[in-house]
Amino acid sequence: MPHKCTQCGREFEDGSTTILKGCPSCAGKKFLYIREAERHDDVLKEKSIDEIARDTGEDVLEVRDGRKREEIEVFERIESIRILAPGSYELNIEKLARSDEVVLGLEKEGRYVVDILSMARKKK
């Protein structure tokens, strides 16, 4: 049967050896057996505002208005390197060229060389 930490509520698979040293999250040493049907019940069940207030110990819960998200320039949202398939990549040359950490070199037939080591070097 799965186990559940009594301090933080983290659940562990049946036969997990990590609980022998204690809970990795809170270092708790006490665990409960739980039924497979009851697993993740506390996460999946909806709670009312009163229950949340009781659990958190706060008398007043504030509902915040949605903040206006700052519009991010399209250039910033685009990834510089995207993996299409194993061994196949799509490069955003414009973003890589603007980056200070990456050095590009042009070979023949439109091939680019990305110096990965230059990304690891620290600037002086």
N, C-alpha and C. Protein backbone atom coordinates (compact mmCIF):
# COMPACT_ATOMS: atom_id res chain seq x y z
N MET A 1 0.84 -1.18 0.00
CA MET A 1 0.00 0.00 0.00
C MET A 1 0.88 1.24 0.00
N PRO A 2 0.42 2.30 -0.63
CA PRO A 2 1.18 3.56 -0.64
C PRO A 2 1.27 4.16 0.76
N HIS A 3 2.25 5.01 0.96
CA HIS A 3 2.48 5.67 2.24
C HIS A 3 2.28 7.17 2.08
N LYS A 4 1.89 7.82 3.18
CA LYS A 4 1.71 9.27 3.18
C LYS A 4 2.39 9.83 4.43
N CYS A 5 3.20 10.86 4.24
CA CYS A 5 3.89 11.51 5.36
C CYS A 5 2.85 12.23 6.22
N THR A 6 2.95 12.07 7.55
CA THR A 6 1.97 12.70 8.43
C THR A 6 2.23 14.19 8.62
N GLN A 7 3.45 14.66 8.34
CA GLN A 7 3.76 16.08 8.51
C GLN A 7 3.37 16.90 7.29
N CYS A 8 3.87 16.52 6.11
CA CYS A 8 3.66 17.36 4.92
C CYS A 8 2.62 16.79 3.96
N GLY A 9 2.25 15.52 4.11
CA GLY A 9 1.23 14.94 3.25
C GLY A 9 1.76 14.38 1.94
N ARG A 10 3.06 14.37 1.76
CA ARG A 10 3.63 13.84 0.52
C ARG A 10 3.38 12.33 0.46
N GLU A 11 3.02 11.85 -0.73
CA GLU A 11 2.70 10.44 -0.91
C GLU A 11 3.83 9.72 -1.61
N PHE A 12 4.03 8.46 -1.23
CA PHE A 12 5.10 7.63 -1.78
C PHE A 12 4.52 6.34 -2.32
N GLU A 13 5.14 5.83 -3.37
CA GLU A 13 4.72 4.58 -3.99
C GLU A 13 4.90 3.41 -3.02
N ASP A 14 4.17 2.35 -3.28
CA ASP A 14 4.28 1.14 -2.49
C ASP A 14 5.68 0.55 -2.66
N GLY A 15 6.34 0.24 -1.57
CA GLY A 15 7.67 -0.35 -1.62
C GLY A 15 8.79 0.66 -1.81
N SER A 16 8.50 1.93 -1.68
CA SER A 16 9.52 2.96 -1.85
C SER A 16 10.53 2.89 -0.70
N THR A 17 11.80 2.87 -1.05
CA THR A 17 12.85 2.80 -0.02
C THR A 17 13.26 4.18 0.48
N THR A 18 12.78 5.24 -0.15
CA THR A 18 13.16 6.59 0.28
C THR A 18 12.61 6.93 1.66
N ILE A 19 11.52 6.28 2.05
CA ILE A 19 10.93 6.61 3.36
C ILE A 19 11.73 6.01 4.51
N LEU A 20 12.65 5.10 4.22
CA LEU A 20 13.47 4.52 5.28
C LEU A 20 14.36 5.56 5.95
N LYS A 21 14.76 6.58 5.19
CA LYS A 21 15.60 7.66 5.72
C LYS A 21 14.77 8.85 6.18
N GLY A 22 13.47 8.78 6.00
CA GLY A 22 12.60 9.90 6.34
C GLY A 22 12.11 10.59 5.09
N CYS A 23 11.13 11.45 5.25
CA CYS A 23 10.55 12.17 4.12
C CYS A 23 11.58 13.14 3.56
N PRO A 24 11.85 13.10 2.24
CA PRO A 24 12.82 14.03 1.66
C PRO A 24 12.36 15.48 1.70
N SER A 25 11.05 15.72 1.81
CA SER A 25 10.53 17.08 1.81
C SER A 25 10.65 17.75 3.17
N CYS A 26 10.23 17.03 4.23
CA CYS A 26 10.17 17.66 5.55
C CYS A 26 10.97 16.92 6.61
N ALA A 27 11.62 15.84 6.25
CA ALA A 27 12.42 15.01 7.16
C ALA A 27 11.57 14.32 8.22
N GLY A 28 10.26 14.21 7.97
CA GLY A 28 9.37 13.52 8.90
C GLY A 28 9.66 12.03 8.91
N LYS A 29 9.42 11.41 10.06
CA LYS A 29 9.71 9.98 10.22
C LYS A 29 8.44 9.14 10.39
N LYS A 30 7.27 9.76 10.35
CA LYS A 30 6.02 9.03 10.55
C LYS A 30 5.22 9.01 9.24
N PHE A 31 4.75 7.81 8.90
CA PHE A 31 4.01 7.63 7.66
C PHE A 31 2.76 6.81 7.93
N LEU A 32 1.73 7.06 7.13
CA LEU A 32 0.48 6.31 7.22
C LEU A 32 0.32 5.47 5.96
N TYR A 33 -0.29 4.30 6.13
CA TYR A 33 -0.70 3.54 4.96
C TYR A 33 -1.98 4.17 4.44
N ILE A 34 -2.09 4.30 3.14
CA ILE A 34 -3.33 4.81 2.55
C ILE A 34 -3.80 3.85 1.47
N ARG A 35 -5.10 3.79 1.28
CA ARG A 35 -5.65 2.93 0.24
C ARG A 35 -5.36 3.55 -1.12
N GLU A 36 -5.24 2.68 -2.10
CA GLU A 36 -4.97 3.15 -3.46
C GLU A 36 -6.11 4.06 -3.94
N ALA A 37 -7.34 3.75 -3.55
CA ALA A 37 -8.50 4.55 -3.97
C ALA A 37 -8.48 5.94 -3.34
N GLU A 38 -7.82 6.08 -2.19
CA GLU A 38 -7.79 7.37 -1.49
C GLU A 38 -6.59 8.22 -1.85
N ARG A 39 -5.74 7.71 -2.73
CA ARG A 39 -4.55 8.47 -3.12
C ARG A 39 -4.95 9.75 -3.83
N HIS A 40 -4.27 10.80 -3.55
CA HIS A 40 -4.44 12.12 -4.18
C HIS A 40 -5.83 12.71 -3.93
N ASP A 41 -6.58 12.19 -2.97
CA ASP A 41 -7.91 12.75 -2.69
C ASP A 41 -7.82 14.18 -2.22
N ASP A 42 -6.83 14.49 -1.39
CA ASP A 42 -6.71 15.85 -0.86
C ASP A 42 -6.36 16.85 -1.94
N VAL A 43 -5.77 16.40 -3.02
CA VAL A 43 -5.41 17.30 -4.11
C VAL A 43 -6.58 17.47 -5.08
N LEU A 44 -7.32 16.41 -5.29
CA LEU A 44 -8.38 16.43 -6.29
C LEU A 44 -9.69 17.02 -5.78
N LYS A 45 -9.88 17.08 -4.47
CA LYS A 45 -11.16 17.56 -3.97
C LYS A 45 -11.15 19.09 -3.90
N GLU A 46 -12.30 19.68 -4.23
CA GLU A 46 -12.43 21.14 -4.18
C GLU A 46 -12.63 21.58 -2.74
N LYS A 47 -12.07 22.73 -2.42
CA LYS A 47 -12.23 23.28 -1.08
C LYS A 47 -12.95 24.61 -1.17
N SER A 48 -13.75 24.88 -0.15
CA SER A 48 -14.43 26.17 -0.10
C SER A 48 -13.45 27.21 0.47
N ILE A 49 -13.83 28.46 0.37
CA ILE A 49 -12.98 29.54 0.88
C ILE A 49 -12.82 29.40 2.39
N ASP A 50 -13.89 28.98 3.08
CA ASP A 50 -13.81 28.80 4.53
C ASP A 50 -12.80 27.71 4.90
N GLU A 51 -12.79 26.60 4.14
CA GLU A 51 -11.84 25.52 4.41
C GLU A 51 -10.41 25.98 4.18
N ILE A 52 -10.20 26.75 3.12
CA ILE A 52 -8.86 27.25 2.82
C ILE A 52 -8.40 28.19 3.93
N ALA A 53 -9.31 29.06 4.40
CA ALA A 53 -8.97 29.98 5.48
C ALA A 53 -8.63 29.21 6.75
N ARG A 54 -9.37 28.15 7.03
CA ARG A 54 -9.12 27.33 8.21
C ARG A 54 -7.77 26.62 8.10
N ASP A 55 -7.46 26.10 6.90
CA ASP A 55 -6.19 25.39 6.70
C ASP A 55 -4.98 26.32 6.80
N THR A 56 -5.12 27.54 6.26
CA THR A 56 -3.99 28.47 6.27
C THR A 56 -3.87 29.23 7.58
N GLY A 57 -4.95 29.27 8.36
CA GLY A 57 -4.91 29.97 9.64
C GLY A 57 -5.11 31.46 9.51
N GLU A 58 -5.52 31.94 8.35
CA GLU A 58 -5.75 33.37 8.15
C GLU A 58 -7.24 33.65 8.25
N ASP A 59 -7.57 34.78 8.89
CA ASP A 59 -8.97 35.15 9.04
C ASP A 59 -9.54 35.74 7.76
N VAL A 60 -8.73 36.51 7.06
CA VAL A 60 -9.19 37.20 5.86
C VAL A 60 -8.37 36.74 4.68
N LEU A 61 -9.05 36.32 3.65
CA LEU A 61 -8.38 35.97 2.40
C LEU A 61 -8.69 37.04 1.39
N GLU A 62 -7.67 37.52 0.74
CA GLU A 62 -7.82 38.60 -0.23
C GLU A 62 -7.89 38.03 -1.63
N VAL A 63 -8.91 38.44 -2.36
CA VAL A 63 -9.01 38.05 -3.76
C VAL A 63 -8.43 39.19 -4.58
N ARG A 64 -7.36 38.90 -5.25
CA ARG A 64 -6.66 39.95 -5.99
C ARG A 64 -7.21 40.06 -7.40
N ASP A 65 -7.24 41.29 -7.87
CA ASP A 65 -7.63 41.52 -9.26
C ASP A 65 -6.50 41.05 -10.16
N GLY A 66 -6.88 40.59 -11.33
CA GLY A 66 -5.86 40.14 -12.27
C GLY A 66 -4.99 41.32 -12.68
N ARG A 67 -3.71 41.17 -12.51
CA ARG A 67 -2.80 42.25 -12.90
C ARG A 67 -2.69 42.28 -14.41
N LYS A 68 -2.46 43.46 -14.91
CA LYS A 68 -2.24 43.59 -16.34
C LYS A 68 -0.87 43.02 -16.65
N ARG A 69 -0.87 42.10 -17.55
CA ARG A 69 0.41 41.53 -17.94
C ARG A 69 1.09 42.49 -18.89
N GLU A 70 2.35 42.68 -18.63
CA GLU A 70 3.11 43.53 -19.53
C GLU A 70 3.30 42.78 -20.82
N GLU A 71 3.04 43.49 -21.89
CA GLU A 71 3.20 42.84 -23.18
C GLU A 71 4.67 42.59 -23.44
N ILE A 72 4.96 41.35 -23.73
CA ILE A 72 6.34 40.97 -24.01
C ILE A 72 6.53 41.05 -25.51
N GLU A 73 7.61 41.64 -25.88
CA GLU A 73 7.93 41.76 -27.29
C GLU A 73 8.01 40.36 -27.90
N VAL A 74 7.50 40.22 -29.12
CA VAL A 74 7.46 38.92 -29.78
C VAL A 74 8.85 38.30 -29.84
N PHE A 75 9.84 39.11 -30.00
CA PHE A 75 11.22 38.63 -30.09
C PHE A 75 11.62 37.90 -28.81
N GLU A 76 11.19 38.38 -27.66
CA GLU A 76 11.57 37.77 -26.39
C GLU A 76 10.88 36.44 -26.15
N ARG A 77 9.71 36.21 -26.75
CA ARG A 77 8.99 34.97 -26.54
C ARG A 77 9.51 33.83 -27.39
N ILE A 78 10.22 34.13 -28.44
CA ILE A 78 10.70 33.11 -29.35
C ILE A 78 11.96 32.48 -28.77
N GLU A 79 12.00 31.15 -28.81
CA GLU A 79 13.17 30.44 -28.32
C GLU A 79 14.32 30.63 -29.30
N SER A 80 15.53 30.61 -28.78
CA SER A 80 16.68 30.75 -29.66
C SER A 80 17.05 29.42 -30.31
N ILE A 81 16.88 28.32 -29.58
CA ILE A 81 17.13 26.99 -30.14
C ILE A 81 15.96 26.10 -29.78
N ARG A 82 15.33 25.50 -30.78
CA ARG A 82 14.21 24.60 -30.54
C ARG A 82 14.54 23.24 -31.13
N ILE A 83 14.32 22.18 -30.36
CA ILE A 83 14.60 20.82 -30.81
C ILE A 83 13.39 20.31 -31.58
N LEU A 84 13.58 19.99 -32.87
CA LEU A 84 12.50 19.46 -33.69
C LEU A 84 12.43 17.94 -33.59
N ALA A 85 13.57 17.30 -33.60
CA ALA A 85 13.69 15.85 -33.50
C ALA A 85 15.11 15.57 -33.03
N PRO A 86 15.39 14.34 -32.61
CA PRO A 86 16.77 14.04 -32.21
C PRO A 86 17.75 14.33 -33.34
N GLY A 87 18.68 15.24 -33.09
CA GLY A 87 19.67 15.63 -34.09
C GLY A 87 19.21 16.70 -35.05
N SER A 88 17.97 17.17 -34.90
CA SER A 88 17.42 18.20 -35.79
C SER A 88 16.95 19.38 -34.94
N TYR A 89 17.52 20.55 -35.19
CA TYR A 89 17.23 21.72 -34.39
C TYR A 89 16.82 22.88 -35.28
N GLU A 90 16.04 23.78 -34.71
CA GLU A 90 15.68 25.02 -35.38
C GLU A 90 16.31 26.15 -34.58
N LEU A 91 17.11 26.97 -35.25
CA LEU A 91 17.82 28.05 -34.59
C LEU A 91 17.21 29.39 -34.95
N ASN A 92 17.05 30.25 -33.97
CA ASN A 92 16.65 31.63 -34.21
C ASN A 92 17.94 32.43 -34.27
N ILE A 93 18.44 32.61 -35.49
CA ILE A 93 19.74 33.24 -35.69
C ILE A 93 19.74 34.67 -35.16
N GLU A 94 18.64 35.38 -35.36
CA GLU A 94 18.57 36.77 -34.91
C GLU A 94 18.75 36.86 -33.39
N LYS A 95 18.06 36.00 -32.66
CA LYS A 95 18.17 36.04 -31.20
C LYS A 95 19.54 35.57 -30.74
N LEU A 96 20.08 34.55 -31.39
CA LEU A 96 21.42 34.08 -31.03
C LEU A 96 22.47 35.15 -31.30
N ALA A 97 22.30 35.89 -32.40
CA ALA A 97 23.27 36.93 -32.74
C ALA A 97 23.22 38.08 -31.73
N ARG A 98 22.04 38.38 -31.20
CA ARG A 98 21.92 39.46 -30.21
C ARG A 98 22.45 39.04 -28.84
N SER A 99 22.51 37.76 -28.60
CA SER A 99 22.97 37.26 -27.31
C SER A 99 24.47 37.49 -27.17
N ASP A 100 24.89 37.86 -25.97
CA ASP A 100 26.31 38.10 -25.71
C ASP A 100 27.09 36.82 -25.47
N GLU A 101 26.40 35.74 -25.13
CA GLU A 101 27.08 34.53 -24.71
C GLU A 101 27.41 33.57 -25.83
N VAL A 102 26.80 33.70 -26.99
CA VAL A 102 26.97 32.72 -28.05
C VAL A 102 27.71 33.34 -29.22
N VAL A 103 28.69 32.62 -29.76
CA VAL A 103 29.44 33.06 -30.93
C VAL A 103 29.02 32.20 -32.11
N LEU A 104 28.65 32.84 -33.22
CA LEU A 104 28.23 32.12 -34.41
C LEU A 104 29.27 32.26 -35.50
N GLY A 105 29.39 31.22 -36.29
CA GLY A 105 30.27 31.28 -37.46
C GLY A 105 29.54 30.70 -38.65
N LEU A 106 29.69 31.31 -39.81
CA LEU A 106 29.00 30.86 -41.01
C LEU A 106 29.92 29.97 -41.82
N GLU A 107 29.43 28.78 -42.12
CA GLU A 107 30.16 27.89 -43.01
C GLU A 107 29.53 27.97 -44.39
N LYS A 108 29.96 27.11 -45.29
CA LYS A 108 29.38 27.13 -46.63
C LYS A 108 28.02 26.46 -46.64
N GLU A 109 27.25 26.74 -47.65
CA GLU A 109 25.91 26.20 -47.88
C GLU A 109 24.92 26.56 -46.76
N GLY A 110 25.07 27.73 -46.16
CA GLY A 110 24.10 28.19 -45.17
C GLY A 110 24.17 27.49 -43.83
N ARG A 111 25.25 26.83 -43.53
CA ARG A 111 25.40 26.16 -42.24
C ARG A 111 26.02 27.11 -41.23
N TYR A 112 25.54 27.01 -40.02
CA TYR A 112 26.07 27.83 -38.93
C TYR A 112 26.72 26.93 -37.90
N VAL A 113 27.77 27.42 -37.28
CA VAL A 113 28.44 26.71 -36.19
C VAL A 113 28.17 27.51 -34.93
N VAL A 114 27.63 26.85 -33.93
CA VAL A 114 27.37 27.49 -32.65
C VAL A 114 28.44 27.02 -31.68
N ASP A 115 29.22 27.95 -31.15
CA ASP A 115 30.27 27.62 -30.21
C ASP A 115 29.65 27.49 -28.82
N ILE A 116 29.34 26.26 -28.44
CA ILE A 116 28.69 26.00 -27.16
C ILE A 116 29.61 26.36 -25.99
N LEU A 117 30.91 26.18 -26.18
CA LEU A 117 31.85 26.49 -25.10
C LEU A 117 31.86 27.98 -24.76
N SER A 118 31.57 28.83 -25.74
CA SER A 118 31.57 30.27 -25.46
C SER A 118 30.45 30.64 -24.51
N MET A 119 29.40 29.83 -24.43
CA MET A 119 28.31 30.11 -23.50
C MET A 119 28.75 29.84 -22.07
N ALA A 120 29.68 28.92 -21.89
CA ALA A 120 30.12 28.56 -20.54
C ALA A 120 31.18 29.52 -20.00
N ARG A 121 31.88 30.19 -20.89
CA ARG A 121 32.92 31.13 -20.45
C ARG A 121 32.30 32.33 -19.76
N LYS A 122 32.93 32.78 -18.71
CA LYS A 122 32.44 33.97 -18.00
C LYS A 122 33.03 35.21 -18.65
N LYS A 123 32.23 36.29 -18.65
CA LYS A 123 32.74 37.56 -19.16
C LYS A 123 33.65 38.20 -18.14
N LYS A 124 34.68 38.84 -18.65
CA LYS A 124 35.62 39.51 -17.75
C LYS A 124 35.29 40.97 -17.65
